[in-house]
N, C-alpha and C. Protein backbone atom coordinates (compact mmCIF):
# COMPACT_ATOMS: atom_id res chain seq x y z
N MET A 1 122.61 72.33 170.81
CA MET A 1 122.29 73.64 171.38
C MET A 1 122.40 73.54 172.90
N SER A 2 123.07 74.49 173.49
CA SER A 2 123.25 74.46 174.94
C SER A 2 121.99 74.98 175.63
N VAL A 3 121.91 74.72 176.91
CA VAL A 3 120.78 75.19 177.72
C VAL A 3 120.75 76.71 177.72
N ARG A 4 121.91 77.35 177.80
CA ARG A 4 121.97 78.81 177.81
C ARG A 4 121.44 79.41 176.51
N GLU A 5 121.80 78.83 175.37
CA GLU A 5 121.31 79.33 174.09
C GLU A 5 119.80 79.19 173.99
N LYS A 6 119.28 78.06 174.42
CA LYS A 6 117.84 77.85 174.36
C LYS A 6 117.11 78.83 175.26
N THR A 7 117.65 79.11 176.42
CA THR A 7 117.02 80.05 177.33
C THR A 7 116.97 81.44 176.71
N SER A 8 118.03 81.89 176.09
CA SER A 8 118.05 83.19 175.44
C SER A 8 117.02 83.24 174.32
N GLU A 9 116.93 82.18 173.56
CA GLU A 9 115.96 82.11 172.47
C GLU A 9 114.53 82.16 173.02
N ASP A 10 114.30 81.43 174.09
CA ASP A 10 112.97 81.43 174.71
C ASP A 10 112.61 82.81 175.25
N LEU A 11 113.57 83.51 175.82
CA LEU A 11 113.31 84.85 176.34
C LEU A 11 112.96 85.82 175.22
N LEU A 12 113.65 85.74 174.11
CA LEU A 12 113.34 86.61 172.98
C LEU A 12 111.93 86.36 172.47
N TYR A 13 111.54 85.09 172.41
CA TYR A 13 110.18 84.75 171.99
C TYR A 13 109.17 85.28 173.00
N ALA A 14 109.44 85.11 174.27
CA ALA A 14 108.52 85.58 175.32
C ALA A 14 108.37 87.09 175.27
N GLU A 15 109.43 87.81 174.99
CA GLU A 15 109.35 89.27 174.88
C GLU A 15 108.42 89.67 173.75
N GLU A 16 108.50 88.95 172.62
CA GLU A 16 107.62 89.28 171.50
C GLU A 16 106.17 89.00 171.84
N VAL A 17 105.91 87.89 172.50
CA VAL A 17 104.55 87.52 172.86
C VAL A 17 103.97 88.50 173.88
N LEU A 18 104.78 88.96 174.81
CA LEU A 18 104.32 89.83 175.88
C LEU A 18 104.43 91.31 175.54
N LYS A 19 104.73 91.64 174.29
CA LYS A 19 104.89 93.04 173.92
C LYS A 19 103.66 93.83 174.32
N GLN A 20 103.89 94.89 175.04
CA GLN A 20 102.81 95.71 175.56
C GLN A 20 102.64 96.96 174.71
N ASN A 21 101.43 97.44 174.66
CA ASN A 21 101.14 98.69 173.99
C ASN A 21 101.34 99.83 174.97
N GLU A 22 101.41 101.03 174.44
CA GLU A 22 101.62 102.22 175.27
C GLU A 22 100.64 103.31 174.88
N ILE A 23 100.20 104.09 175.87
CA ILE A 23 99.49 105.32 175.58
C ILE A 23 100.54 106.43 175.63
N VAL A 24 100.66 107.15 174.52
CA VAL A 24 101.59 108.27 174.45
C VAL A 24 100.76 109.55 174.48
N LEU A 25 101.09 110.42 175.42
CA LEU A 25 100.44 111.73 175.55
C LEU A 25 101.32 112.77 174.89
N TYR A 26 100.70 113.64 174.08
CA TYR A 26 101.44 114.68 173.36
C TYR A 26 101.14 116.06 173.93
N ASN A 27 102.11 116.93 173.83
CA ASN A 27 101.96 118.30 174.31
C ASN A 27 101.02 119.08 173.40
N ASP A 28 100.32 120.03 173.98
CA ASP A 28 99.52 120.97 173.21
C ASP A 28 99.57 122.32 173.90
N ASP A 29 99.04 123.33 173.25
CA ASP A 29 99.05 124.68 173.82
C ASP A 29 97.70 125.05 174.39
N VAL A 30 96.85 124.05 174.64
CA VAL A 30 95.47 124.31 175.05
C VAL A 30 95.23 123.95 176.51
N ASN A 31 95.63 122.76 176.91
CA ASN A 31 95.29 122.24 178.24
C ASN A 31 96.24 122.74 179.32
N THR A 32 95.67 123.00 180.48
CA THR A 32 96.48 123.44 181.63
C THR A 32 97.13 122.24 182.30
N PHE A 33 98.16 122.51 183.08
CA PHE A 33 98.80 121.45 183.85
C PHE A 33 97.78 120.77 184.76
N ASP A 34 96.96 121.55 185.42
CA ASP A 34 95.97 120.98 186.34
C ASP A 34 95.00 120.04 185.62
N HIS A 35 94.56 120.43 184.43
CA HIS A 35 93.64 119.58 183.67
C HIS A 35 94.32 118.27 183.26
N VAL A 36 95.55 118.36 182.79
CA VAL A 36 96.29 117.17 182.39
C VAL A 36 96.49 116.25 183.59
N ILE A 37 96.88 116.81 184.72
CA ILE A 37 97.11 116.03 185.93
C ILE A 37 95.83 115.33 186.37
N GLU A 38 94.73 116.06 186.43
CA GLU A 38 93.45 115.47 186.84
C GLU A 38 93.03 114.36 185.88
N THR A 39 93.22 114.58 184.59
CA THR A 39 92.84 113.58 183.60
C THR A 39 93.69 112.32 183.73
N LEU A 40 94.99 112.47 183.93
CA LEU A 40 95.86 111.31 184.10
C LEU A 40 95.50 110.53 185.36
N MET A 41 95.14 111.22 186.40
CA MET A 41 94.73 110.54 187.64
C MET A 41 93.44 109.75 187.40
N HIS A 42 92.51 110.35 186.67
CA HIS A 42 91.22 109.70 186.43
C HIS A 42 91.34 108.58 185.39
N ALA A 43 91.98 108.85 184.26
CA ALA A 43 92.00 107.90 183.15
C ALA A 43 93.04 106.78 183.32
N CYS A 44 94.17 107.11 183.93
CA CYS A 44 95.28 106.15 184.01
C CYS A 44 95.57 105.67 185.43
N ASP A 45 94.76 106.11 186.39
CA ASP A 45 94.97 105.73 187.79
C ASP A 45 96.35 106.15 188.31
N HIS A 46 96.84 107.29 187.84
CA HIS A 46 98.11 107.82 188.33
C HIS A 46 97.93 108.41 189.72
N THR A 47 98.99 108.38 190.49
CA THR A 47 99.02 109.14 191.74
C THR A 47 99.21 110.61 191.35
N PRO A 48 98.94 111.55 192.24
CA PRO A 48 99.18 112.96 191.90
C PRO A 48 100.63 113.21 191.47
N GLU A 49 101.57 112.53 192.12
CA GLU A 49 102.99 112.72 191.79
C GLU A 49 103.30 112.20 190.40
N GLN A 50 102.78 111.01 190.06
CA GLN A 50 103.01 110.45 188.73
C GLN A 50 102.44 111.37 187.66
N ALA A 51 101.22 111.82 187.88
CA ALA A 51 100.55 112.67 186.90
C ALA A 51 101.30 113.98 186.70
N GLU A 52 101.79 114.55 187.79
CA GLU A 52 102.54 115.80 187.69
C GLU A 52 103.84 115.59 186.92
N GLN A 53 104.55 114.49 187.22
CA GLN A 53 105.81 114.21 186.52
C GLN A 53 105.57 114.01 185.03
N CYS A 54 104.52 113.27 184.67
CA CYS A 54 104.21 113.06 183.25
C CYS A 54 103.87 114.37 182.56
N SER A 55 103.12 115.23 183.24
CA SER A 55 102.75 116.50 182.61
C SER A 55 103.98 117.37 182.37
N ILE A 56 104.94 117.32 183.27
CA ILE A 56 106.19 118.08 183.08
C ILE A 56 107.01 117.50 181.93
N ILE A 57 107.09 116.17 181.87
CA ILE A 57 107.83 115.53 180.77
C ILE A 57 107.19 115.89 179.43
N VAL A 58 105.86 115.83 179.36
CA VAL A 58 105.16 116.17 178.12
C VAL A 58 105.45 117.62 177.73
N HIS A 59 105.42 118.50 178.71
CA HIS A 59 105.65 119.92 178.45
C HIS A 59 107.03 120.17 177.85
N TYR A 60 108.05 119.53 178.40
CA TYR A 60 109.42 119.80 177.96
C TYR A 60 109.88 118.92 176.80
N ASN A 61 109.36 117.68 176.70
CA ASN A 61 109.82 116.76 175.65
C ASN A 61 108.84 116.63 174.49
N GLY A 62 107.63 117.14 174.67
CA GLY A 62 106.65 117.05 173.60
C GLY A 62 105.77 115.82 173.65
N LYS A 63 106.22 114.79 174.37
CA LYS A 63 105.42 113.58 174.51
C LYS A 63 105.94 112.75 175.68
N CYS A 64 105.09 111.82 176.13
CA CYS A 64 105.47 110.96 177.25
C CYS A 64 104.58 109.71 177.23
N THR A 65 105.17 108.55 177.45
CA THR A 65 104.38 107.34 177.64
C THR A 65 103.77 107.42 179.03
N VAL A 66 102.44 107.37 179.10
CA VAL A 66 101.77 107.54 180.39
C VAL A 66 101.18 106.25 180.93
N LYS A 67 101.05 105.23 180.09
CA LYS A 67 100.51 103.95 180.56
C LYS A 67 100.91 102.87 179.57
N THR A 68 101.27 101.70 180.08
CA THR A 68 101.56 100.54 179.25
C THR A 68 100.66 99.39 179.67
N GLY A 69 100.39 98.51 178.74
CA GLY A 69 99.55 97.36 179.07
C GLY A 69 98.94 96.75 177.84
N ASP A 70 97.95 95.89 178.08
CA ASP A 70 97.22 95.25 177.00
C ASP A 70 96.35 96.27 176.29
N TYR A 71 96.19 96.09 175.01
CA TYR A 71 95.41 97.02 174.20
C TYR A 71 93.99 97.18 174.76
N ASP A 72 93.38 96.08 175.16
CA ASP A 72 92.01 96.13 175.66
C ASP A 72 91.88 96.97 176.93
N ASP A 73 92.93 97.01 177.73
CA ASP A 73 92.93 97.85 178.94
C ASP A 73 93.19 99.32 178.58
N LEU A 74 94.04 99.54 177.60
CA LEU A 74 94.43 100.90 177.25
C LEU A 74 93.37 101.65 176.44
N LEU A 75 92.58 100.95 175.66
CA LEU A 75 91.62 101.60 174.78
C LEU A 75 90.64 102.50 175.53
N PRO A 76 89.96 102.02 176.58
CA PRO A 76 89.05 102.93 177.29
C PRO A 76 89.78 104.06 178.01
N ARG A 77 90.99 103.82 178.45
CA ARG A 77 91.78 104.86 179.11
C ARG A 77 92.13 105.97 178.12
N CYS A 78 92.59 105.56 176.94
CA CYS A 78 92.94 106.54 175.92
C CYS A 78 91.69 107.30 175.48
N SER A 79 90.58 106.62 175.38
CA SER A 79 89.32 107.28 175.00
C SER A 79 88.94 108.36 176.01
N LYS A 80 89.12 108.07 177.30
CA LYS A 80 88.83 109.07 178.34
C LYS A 80 89.72 110.30 178.17
N MET A 81 90.99 110.06 177.83
CA MET A 81 91.92 111.17 177.64
C MET A 81 91.52 112.01 176.44
N LEU A 82 91.13 111.35 175.36
CA LEU A 82 90.71 112.08 174.16
C LEU A 82 89.43 112.86 174.42
N GLU A 83 88.49 112.25 175.14
CA GLU A 83 87.25 112.93 175.48
C GLU A 83 87.50 114.17 176.34
N ALA A 84 88.59 114.12 177.13
CA ALA A 84 88.93 115.26 177.98
C ALA A 84 89.71 116.33 177.21
N GLY A 85 89.94 116.09 175.93
CA GLY A 85 90.59 117.09 175.10
C GLY A 85 92.10 116.97 175.01
N LEU A 86 92.67 115.86 175.54
CA LEU A 86 94.11 115.66 175.45
C LEU A 86 94.46 115.00 174.12
N SER A 87 95.69 115.15 173.70
CA SER A 87 96.20 114.51 172.48
C SER A 87 96.96 113.27 172.88
N ALA A 88 96.41 112.11 172.55
CA ALA A 88 97.03 110.85 172.94
C ALA A 88 96.74 109.79 171.90
N GLU A 89 97.58 108.77 171.88
CA GLU A 89 97.35 107.63 171.00
C GLU A 89 97.95 106.39 171.61
N ILE A 90 97.45 105.24 171.16
CA ILE A 90 98.01 103.95 171.57
C ILE A 90 98.99 103.52 170.50
N VAL A 91 100.21 103.21 170.93
CA VAL A 91 101.24 102.74 169.99
C VAL A 91 101.73 101.38 170.39
């Protein structure tokens, strides 16, 4: 086995080990843009610009990944979003 083949194999293994979870936010007909933006800033530590962009993506595409990371970090963030009345899940 060449060094190049082993490196590719190692990278594939590392990608599986480092697989990150995502919080996906879904569109609804209830929450205002301002509420979604404020919640993303509070729950996900988004800048105002990031939060606004995510809210627009959710509005037009129906969903948007708003945060990636370890499950233990995402769980309280997703809980804050759900408590604020947003539709979100960790995938």
